[in-house]
Amino acid sequence: MLRRKSRSASVSSDPNWASLSPFSLRPIIITTNANTIIAKLHDRMPVILPKDCYGLWLDSIREGFSFPEYMRPYDPYKMTVYPVGTMVNNVKNEGEGCIRKVD
């Protein structure tokens, strides 16, 4: 676990990440403090990048570009929250049933 001093964003990955070759890197989830919607459920949330930033994020040869301005809670006014069924609780489950709204 790598954590910024501000504790506002953290990165979880293999503890030996620095010695891995670029071809053996694992997916990671970068988290930040929860916004006002997610804070009712948890104290942190995944960083959500805007679509216009995808290319920059995936450009592995770009140098000198920094993402700190994106490592913040996502705008809660651009989110919708609704209850889902228990299917989402098992990592083996996939598909639309995991995100289907329940009453």
Protein backbone atom coordinates (compact mmCIF):
# COMPACT_ATOMS: atom_id res chain seq x y z
CA MET A 1 0.00 0.00 0.00
CA LEU A 2 1.33 3.40 -0.98
CA ARG A 3 -0.30 6.38 0.64
CA ARG A 4 0.27 10.07 0.06
CA LYS A 5 1.15 12.11 3.12
CA SER A 6 -2.15 13.94 2.84
CA ARG A 7 -3.94 10.57 3.00
CA SER A 8 -6.32 11.92 0.38
CA ALA A 9 -5.29 9.36 -2.24
CA SER A 10 -3.80 5.91 -1.92
CA VAL A 11 -2.60 3.24 -4.32
CA SER A 12 -2.89 -0.48 -3.60
CA SER A 13 -0.80 -2.92 -5.58
CA ASP A 14 1.76 -5.69 -5.25
CA PRO A 15 4.15 -4.79 -2.38
CA ASN A 16 7.05 -5.43 -4.76
CA TRP A 17 5.64 -3.16 -7.48
CA ALA A 18 8.87 -1.20 -7.97
CA SER A 19 10.77 -4.33 -9.06
CA LEU A 20 8.13 -5.57 -11.52
CA SER A 21 8.65 -5.30 -15.24
CA PRO A 22 6.15 -3.04 -17.08
CA PHE A 23 4.73 -6.21 -18.64
CA SER A 24 3.89 -7.79 -15.28
CA LEU A 25 2.16 -4.85 -13.61
CA ARG A 26 -1.21 -5.58 -12.07
CA PRO A 27 -4.37 -3.47 -12.22
CA ILE A 28 -4.78 -1.13 -9.29
CA ILE A 29 -7.55 1.01 -7.89
CA ILE A 30 -6.57 4.54 -6.92
CA THR A 31 -8.76 5.88 -4.14
CA THR A 32 -9.44 9.29 -2.65
CA ASN A 33 -11.64 10.71 0.08
CA ALA A 34 -15.35 10.06 -0.39
CA ASN A 35 -17.57 12.78 -1.79
CA THR A 36 -20.76 13.75 0.06
CA ILE A 37 -22.80 10.93 -1.52
CA ILE A 38 -20.32 8.11 -0.99
CA ALA A 39 -19.37 9.31 2.51
CA LYS A 40 -22.75 7.98 3.70
CA LEU A 41 -21.47 4.49 2.73
CA HIS A 42 -17.68 4.61 3.05
CA ASP A 43 -14.80 6.95 3.87
CA ARG A 44 -13.09 6.63 0.45
CA MET A 45 -14.01 6.07 -3.17
CA PRO A 46 -12.23 5.24 -6.44
CA VAL A 47 -10.77 8.15 -8.37
CA ILE A 48 -13.00 8.68 -11.43
CA LEU A 49 -11.22 10.32 -14.35
CA PRO A 50 -13.10 12.50 -16.83
CA LYS A 51 -13.35 11.02 -20.35
CA ASP A 52 -11.16 13.75 -21.82
CA CYS A 53 -8.33 12.48 -19.60
CA TYR A 54 -8.40 8.79 -20.65
CA GLY A 55 -5.84 9.17 -23.44
CA LEU A 56 -3.42 11.06 -21.24
CA TRP A 57 -3.76 8.47 -18.48
CA LEU A 58 -3.11 5.57 -20.86
CA ASP A 59 -0.21 7.24 -22.68
CA SER A 60 2.69 5.36 -21.07
CA ILE A 61 5.41 7.41 -22.77
CA ARG A 62 4.15 10.88 -21.81
CA GLU A 63 6.61 12.62 -19.54
CA GLY A 64 6.11 15.66 -17.37
CA PHE A 65 2.35 15.29 -17.07
CA SER A 66 0.90 15.15 -13.58
CA PHE A 67 -2.52 13.96 -12.44
CA PRO A 68 -2.87 15.42 -8.93
CA GLU A 69 -5.74 17.66 -10.00
CA TYR A 70 -7.72 14.52 -10.88
CA MET A 71 -6.97 12.69 -7.62
CA ARG A 72 -9.94 14.19 -5.84
CA PRO A 73 -13.50 13.10 -5.07
CA TYR A 74 -15.77 12.97 -8.10
CA ASP A 75 -18.42 15.68 -8.37
CA PRO A 76 -21.44 14.28 -6.45
CA TYR A 77 -23.82 16.21 -8.72
CA LYS A 78 -22.64 14.04 -11.62
CA MET A 79 -23.48 10.79 -9.78
CA THR A 80 -26.61 8.80 -9.17
CA VAL A 81 -26.97 6.41 -6.23
CA TYR A 82 -29.58 3.67 -5.97
CA PRO A 83 -29.94 0.33 -4.13
CA VAL A 84 -28.91 -2.91 -5.86
CA GLY A 85 -29.46 -6.56 -4.94
CA THR A 86 -27.11 -8.88 -3.09
CA MET A 87 -25.77 -10.33 -6.35
CA VAL A 88 -23.14 -7.57 -6.26
CA ASN A 89 -21.72 -8.98 -3.00
CA ASN A 90 -19.99 -11.93 -4.69
CA VAL A 91 -16.93 -11.24 -6.87
CA LYS A 92 -17.77 -14.29 -9.01
CA ASN A 93 -20.94 -12.60 -10.23
CA GLU A 94 -20.86 -10.48 -13.37
CA GLY A 95 -23.37 -8.78 -15.60
CA GLU A 96 -26.21 -6.34 -15.42
CA GLY A 97 -27.76 -8.15 -12.46
CA CYS A 98 -25.04 -6.62 -10.28
CA ILE A 99 -26.20 -3.09 -11.07
CA ARG A 100 -29.93 -3.64 -11.48
CA LYS A 101 -31.95 -1.26 -9.32
CA VAL A 102 -34.10 -2.85 -6.59
CA ASP A 103 -36.84 -1.27 -4.50
